[in-house]
């Protein structure tokens, strides 16, 4: 699996499994299928209410923790110092692991000063409970503020990004400041899969519209975390690395 190198020198797999709305046994089964197929990057959050199921799947499969990259997130109601620490501990317990590879601020909350949140993140980093710190759904202004107040590097900004919803100003800033971008909902909850431009490119390349959308993101250097719960879709999402979109096709998707 290809990866991107973060500021910390950690390697983050370019393809991960998004788990929003996967619950209970459905989540356990999806995780087990993904792990058995070779997925190593798992994206979850306290708010998803599925970290226990993911922890169970990891245990049942007997996954090698050192090969995994696990991301979780602290919800925006818990961004005060003690709240960050508490949610991290809960995530570690439910996931049955001693550390997170990446811990994100899930959404900003203007009622809590960013420097307070990042002080907690630094403590978790110093204690070895968090390997990398990042944010999610942050604008350029919030990213700049984060950079100025955080004593730990901001390594990732996870944002909603797909051909039908592009945040080019955020992507440009992140690229200029070596902040990796993770695209969540990279298939636009399915609506972009019938977009004529993607359908035409996919038919010509003998791929699916979803693969074209993922390749367009990956080819721009982004990490992608599509949700999938069937072997077919999990395999389909893995097939985005050994082929390329032409410059013309990239520009056509850019214009959607």
Protein backbone atom coordinates (compact mmCIF):
# COMPACT_ATOMS: atom_id res chain seq x y z
CA UNK A 1 0.00 0.00 0.00
CA UNK A 2 1.39 3.40 -0.99
CA UNK A 3 1.82 6.01 1.73
CA UNK A 4 2.59 9.67 2.34
CA UNK A 5 5.29 10.82 4.76
CA UNK A 6 4.03 13.18 7.44
CA UNK A 7 6.06 15.97 9.06
CA UNK A 8 6.85 13.58 11.90
CA UNK A 9 8.30 11.10 9.36
CA UNK A 10 5.42 8.69 10.06
CA UNK A 11 4.13 6.88 6.98
CA UNK A 12 0.37 7.27 6.46
CA UNK A 13 -1.23 4.83 3.99
CA UNK A 14 -2.90 6.68 1.14
CA UNK A 15 -5.97 4.43 1.25
CA UNK A 16 -7.87 3.95 4.47
CA UNK A 17 -11.24 2.58 5.49
CA UNK A 18 -13.76 5.21 6.50
CA UNK A 19 -16.10 3.90 9.20
CA UNK A 20 -18.71 6.63 9.71
CA UNK A 21 -22.15 4.97 10.03
CA UNK A 22 -20.69 1.45 10.38
CA UNK A 23 -21.98 0.05 13.66
CA UNK A 24 -22.02 -3.19 15.64
CA UNK A 25 -21.47 -6.47 13.83
CA UNK A 26 -21.66 -4.76 10.44
CA UNK A 27 -18.64 -2.71 11.48
CA UNK A 28 -16.80 -5.75 12.85
CA UNK A 29 -17.35 -7.69 9.62
CA UNK A 30 -16.33 -4.77 7.38
CA UNK A 31 -13.15 -4.24 9.40
CA UNK A 32 -12.24 -7.91 9.30
CA UNK A 33 -12.77 -8.08 5.55
CA UNK A 34 -10.66 -4.96 5.02
CA UNK A 35 -7.84 -6.17 7.24
CA UNK A 36 -7.78 -9.56 5.53
CA UNK A 37 -7.57 -7.85 2.13
CA UNK A 38 -4.54 -5.82 3.23
CA UNK A 39 -5.99 -2.55 4.50
CA UNK A 40 -3.82 -1.10 7.27
CA UNK A 41 -5.29 2.40 7.69
CA UNK A 42 -8.46 2.68 9.78
CA UNK A 43 -10.30 5.95 10.34
CA UNK A 44 -12.73 6.29 13.22
CA UNK A 45 -13.86 8.83 15.84
CA UNK A 46 -15.36 9.01 19.29
CA UNK A 47 -18.56 10.39 17.75
CA UNK A 48 -18.95 7.38 15.43
CA UNK A 49 -19.74 5.10 18.39
CA UNK A 50 -17.95 2.19 16.72
CA UNK A 51 -14.50 2.15 18.30
CA UNK A 52 -15.41 -0.85 20.44
CA UNK A 53 -16.46 -2.80 17.35
CA UNK A 54 -13.22 -1.86 15.60
CA UNK A 55 -11.21 -2.94 18.62
CA UNK A 56 -13.01 -6.29 18.60
CA UNK A 57 -12.28 -6.75 14.89
CA UNK A 58 -8.59 -6.00 15.39
CA UNK A 59 -8.44 -8.53 18.20
CA UNK A 60 -10.31 -11.23 16.27
CA UNK A 61 -8.07 -10.86 13.23
CA UNK A 62 -4.93 -10.73 15.34
CA UNK A 63 -3.68 -7.72 13.41
CA UNK A 64 -0.06 -6.66 13.89
CA UNK A 65 -0.44 -3.28 15.60
CA UNK A 66 2.86 -1.98 14.26
CA UNK A 67 1.59 -2.41 10.69
CA UNK A 68 -1.60 -0.45 11.35
CA UNK A 69 -2.32 3.26 11.12
CA UNK A 70 -5.27 4.13 13.35
CA UNK A 71 -6.88 7.56 13.30
CA UNK A 72 -9.41 8.80 15.83
CA UNK A 73 -10.92 12.19 16.60
CA UNK A 74 -11.99 14.21 19.62
CA UNK A 75 -15.48 15.69 19.31
CA UNK A 76 -15.91 19.44 19.46
CA UNK A 77 -17.82 19.37 22.76
CA UNK A 78 -14.68 18.00 24.45
CA UNK A 79 -11.97 20.36 23.24
CA UNK A 80 -11.16 21.71 26.69
CA UNK A 81 -7.96 20.31 28.21
CA UNK A 82 -9.46 17.53 30.34
CA UNK A 83 -12.02 16.61 27.69
CA UNK A 84 -9.31 15.91 25.11
CA UNK A 85 -7.45 13.67 27.55
CA UNK A 86 -10.63 11.83 28.53
CA UNK A 87 -11.74 11.14 24.97
CA UNK A 88 -8.28 9.92 24.00
CA UNK A 89 -8.26 7.49 26.93
CA UNK A 90 -11.72 6.25 25.94
CA UNK A 91 -10.59 5.74 22.35
CA UNK A 92 -7.49 3.82 23.45
CA UNK A 93 -9.57 1.60 25.71
CA UNK A 94 -12.25 0.85 23.12
CA UNK A 95 -9.75 0.27 20.31
CA UNK A 96 -7.67 -1.95 22.61
CA UNK A 97 -4.44 -0.17 21.78
CA UNK A 98 -1.86 1.81 23.74
CA UNK A 99 -1.49 4.60 21.18
CA UNK A 100 -3.14 6.33 18.24
CA UNK A 101 -1.18 6.97 15.07
CA UNK A 102 -3.19 10.14 14.49
CA UNK A 103 -5.53 12.12 16.74
CA UNK A 104 -7.62 14.87 15.16
CA UNK A 105 -9.77 17.74 16.34
CA UNK A 106 -12.97 16.56 14.64
CA UNK A 107 -14.62 19.98 14.24
CA UNK A 108 -13.56 23.41 15.49
CA UNK A 109 -15.37 25.02 18.42
CA UNK A 110 -14.92 28.77 18.77
CA UNK A 111 -15.98 28.57 22.43
CA UNK A 112 -12.75 26.75 23.36
CA UNK A 113 -9.37 28.42 22.69
CA UNK A 114 -7.27 26.39 20.27
CA UNK A 115 -4.18 26.74 22.44
CA UNK A 116 -5.96 24.91 25.27
CA UNK A 117 -6.84 22.01 22.98
CA UNK A 118 -3.33 21.79 21.59
CA UNK A 119 -1.80 21.85 25.07
CA UNK A 120 -3.71 18.66 25.74
CA UNK A 121 -2.59 17.24 22.41
CA UNK A 122 1.02 17.99 23.33
CA UNK A 123 0.66 16.17 26.63
CA UNK A 124 -0.75 13.12 24.84
CA UNK A 125 2.11 13.29 22.35
CA UNK A 126 4.70 13.59 25.12
CA UNK A 127 3.17 10.56 26.87
CA UNK A 128 3.39 8.48 23.68
CA UNK A 129 -0.36 8.02 23.46
CA UNK A 130 -0.61 9.98 20.21
CA UNK A 131 1.99 9.73 17.45
CA UNK A 132 0.64 12.53 15.25
CA UNK A 133 -1.70 15.46 15.80
CA UNK A 134 -4.04 16.96 13.24
CA UNK A 135 -7.32 18.70 12.57
CA UNK A 136 -10.48 18.11 10.56
CA UNK A 137 -12.83 20.51 8.81
CA UNK A 138 -10.43 23.44 9.36
CA UNK A 139 -10.40 26.50 7.10
CA UNK A 140 -7.22 28.28 6.06
CA UNK A 141 -7.69 30.84 8.84
CA UNK A 142 -8.05 28.12 11.47
CA UNK A 143 -5.08 26.24 10.08
CA UNK A 144 -2.93 29.35 10.37
CA UNK A 145 -4.09 29.92 13.93
CA UNK A 146 -3.38 26.28 14.77
CA UNK A 147 0.14 26.53 13.39
CA UNK A 148 0.79 29.60 15.51
CA UNK A 149 -0.41 28.18 18.86
CA UNK A 150 0.42 24.47 18.69
CA UNK A 151 3.71 23.20 20.11
CA UNK A 152 3.27 19.96 18.17
CA UNK A 153 3.30 19.85 14.36
CA UNK A 154 -0.08 19.89 12.62
CA UNK A 155 0.39 16.93 10.30
CA UNK A 156 -3.04 16.37 8.73
CA UNK A 157 -6.23 18.24 7.85
CA UNK A 158 -9.12 15.89 7.10
CA UNK A 159 -11.78 17.56 4.96
CA UNK A 160 -14.72 16.63 2.78
CA UNK A 161 -13.32 16.59 -0.74
CA UNK A 162 -14.57 15.01 -3.95
CA UNK A 163 -15.02 16.13 -7.58
CA UNK A 164 -18.31 17.82 -6.72
CA UNK A 165 -17.01 19.59 -3.61
CA UNK A 166 -13.53 21.01 -3.99
CA UNK A 167 -11.73 23.17 -1.41
CA UNK A 168 -8.80 24.31 -3.49
CA UNK A 169 -7.75 27.13 -1.16
CA UNK A 170 -7.41 24.69 1.74
CA UNK A 171 -5.59 22.13 -0.41
CA UNK A 172 -3.17 24.80 -1.68
CA UNK A 173 -2.39 26.01 1.85
CA UNK A 174 -1.85 22.48 3.12
CA UNK A 175 0.47 21.61 0.25
CA UNK A 176 2.51 24.76 0.88
CA UNK A 177 2.84 23.97 4.60
CA UNK A 178 3.43 20.21 4.34
CA UNK A 179 0.11 19.35 5.96
CA UNK A 180 -1.29 16.16 4.47
CA UNK A 181 -4.91 16.27 3.30
CA UNK A 182 -7.24 13.36 3.93
CA UNK A 183 -10.39 13.40 1.80
CA UNK A 184 -13.45 12.05 3.57
CA UNK A 185 -16.65 11.24 1.68
CA UNK A 186 -14.43 11.02 -1.44
CA UNK A 187 -17.27 9.49 -3.46
CA UNK A 188 -19.77 12.14 -2.43
CA UNK A 189 -22.12 9.61 -0.80
CA UNK A 190 -22.59 8.10 -4.25
CA UNK A 191 -24.16 10.97 -6.15
CA UNK A 192 -21.04 11.71 -8.20
CA UNK A 193 -20.93 8.12 -9.49
CA UNK A 194 -23.50 9.03 -12.16
CA UNK A 195 -21.72 12.23 -13.19
CA UNK A 196 -21.38 11.97 -17.01
CA UNK A 197 -17.73 13.07 -17.13
CA UNK A 198 -16.68 10.43 -14.60
CA UNK A 199 -18.80 7.78 -16.32
CA UNK A 200 -17.22 8.52 -19.71
CA UNK A 201 -13.66 8.45 -18.37
CA UNK A 202 -14.37 5.25 -16.46
CA UNK A 203 -15.79 3.46 -19.49
CA UNK A 204 -12.83 4.48 -21.62
CA UNK A 205 -10.31 3.26 -19.02
CA UNK A 206 -12.26 0.13 -18.04
CA UNK A 207 -12.61 1.44 -14.49
CA UNK A 208 -15.57 2.49 -12.38
CA UNK A 209 -16.62 6.12 -11.78
CA UNK A 210 -15.69 5.62 -8.13
CA UNK A 211 -12.18 4.53 -9.06
CA UNK A 212 -11.79 7.57 -11.30
CA UNK A 213 -12.87 9.87 -8.45
CA UNK A 214 -10.44 8.22 -6.02
CA UNK A 215 -7.61 8.28 -8.56
CA UNK A 216 -8.22 12.00 -9.17
CA UNK A 217 -7.75 12.63 -5.44
CA UNK A 218 -4.76 10.32 -5.01
CA UNK A 219 -3.05 11.78 -8.07
CA UNK A 220 -3.17 15.18 -6.33
CA UNK A 221 -1.39 13.72 -3.30
CA UNK A 222 -4.41 13.28 -1.07
CA UNK A 223 -5.19 10.41 1.29
CA UNK A 224 -8.64 8.87 0.76
CA UNK A 225 -10.87 7.06 3.26
CA UNK A 226 -13.94 5.74 1.40
CA UNK A 227 -16.44 3.73 3.40
CA UNK A 228 -17.11 0.21 2.14
CA UNK A 229 -18.78 -2.81 3.69
CA UNK A 230 -18.55 -5.44 0.95
CA UNK A 231 -15.56 -7.34 -0.39
CA UNK A 232 -16.33 -6.10 -3.89
CA UNK A 233 -16.25 -2.43 -2.96
CA UNK A 234 -13.22 -2.87 -0.70
CA UNK A 235 -11.29 -4.45 -3.57
CA UNK A 236 -12.52 -1.85 -6.04
CA UNK A 237 -11.25 0.97 -3.86
CA UNK A 238 -7.82 -0.65 -3.65
CA UNK A 239 -7.40 -0.58 -7.43
CA UNK A 240 -6.34 3.05 -7.78
CA UNK A 241 -2.55 2.84 -7.67
CA UNK A 242 -1.18 1.21 -10.83
CA UNK A 243 -2.73 3.49 -13.42
CA UNK A 244 -2.98 7.23 -14.07
CA UNK A 245 -5.40 9.83 -15.34
CA UNK A 246 -4.12 11.95 -18.21
CA UNK A 247 -3.61 15.66 -17.69
CA UNK A 248 -6.65 16.30 -19.86
CA UNK A 249 -8.85 14.00 -17.79
CA UNK A 250 -7.56 15.51 -14.54
CA UNK A 251 -8.52 18.97 -15.81
CA UNK A 252 -11.96 17.76 -16.87
CA UNK A 253 -12.65 16.46 -13.38
CA UNK A 254 -11.21 19.67 -11.90
CA UNK A 255 -13.97 21.60 -13.67
CA UNK A 256 -16.86 19.64 -12.20
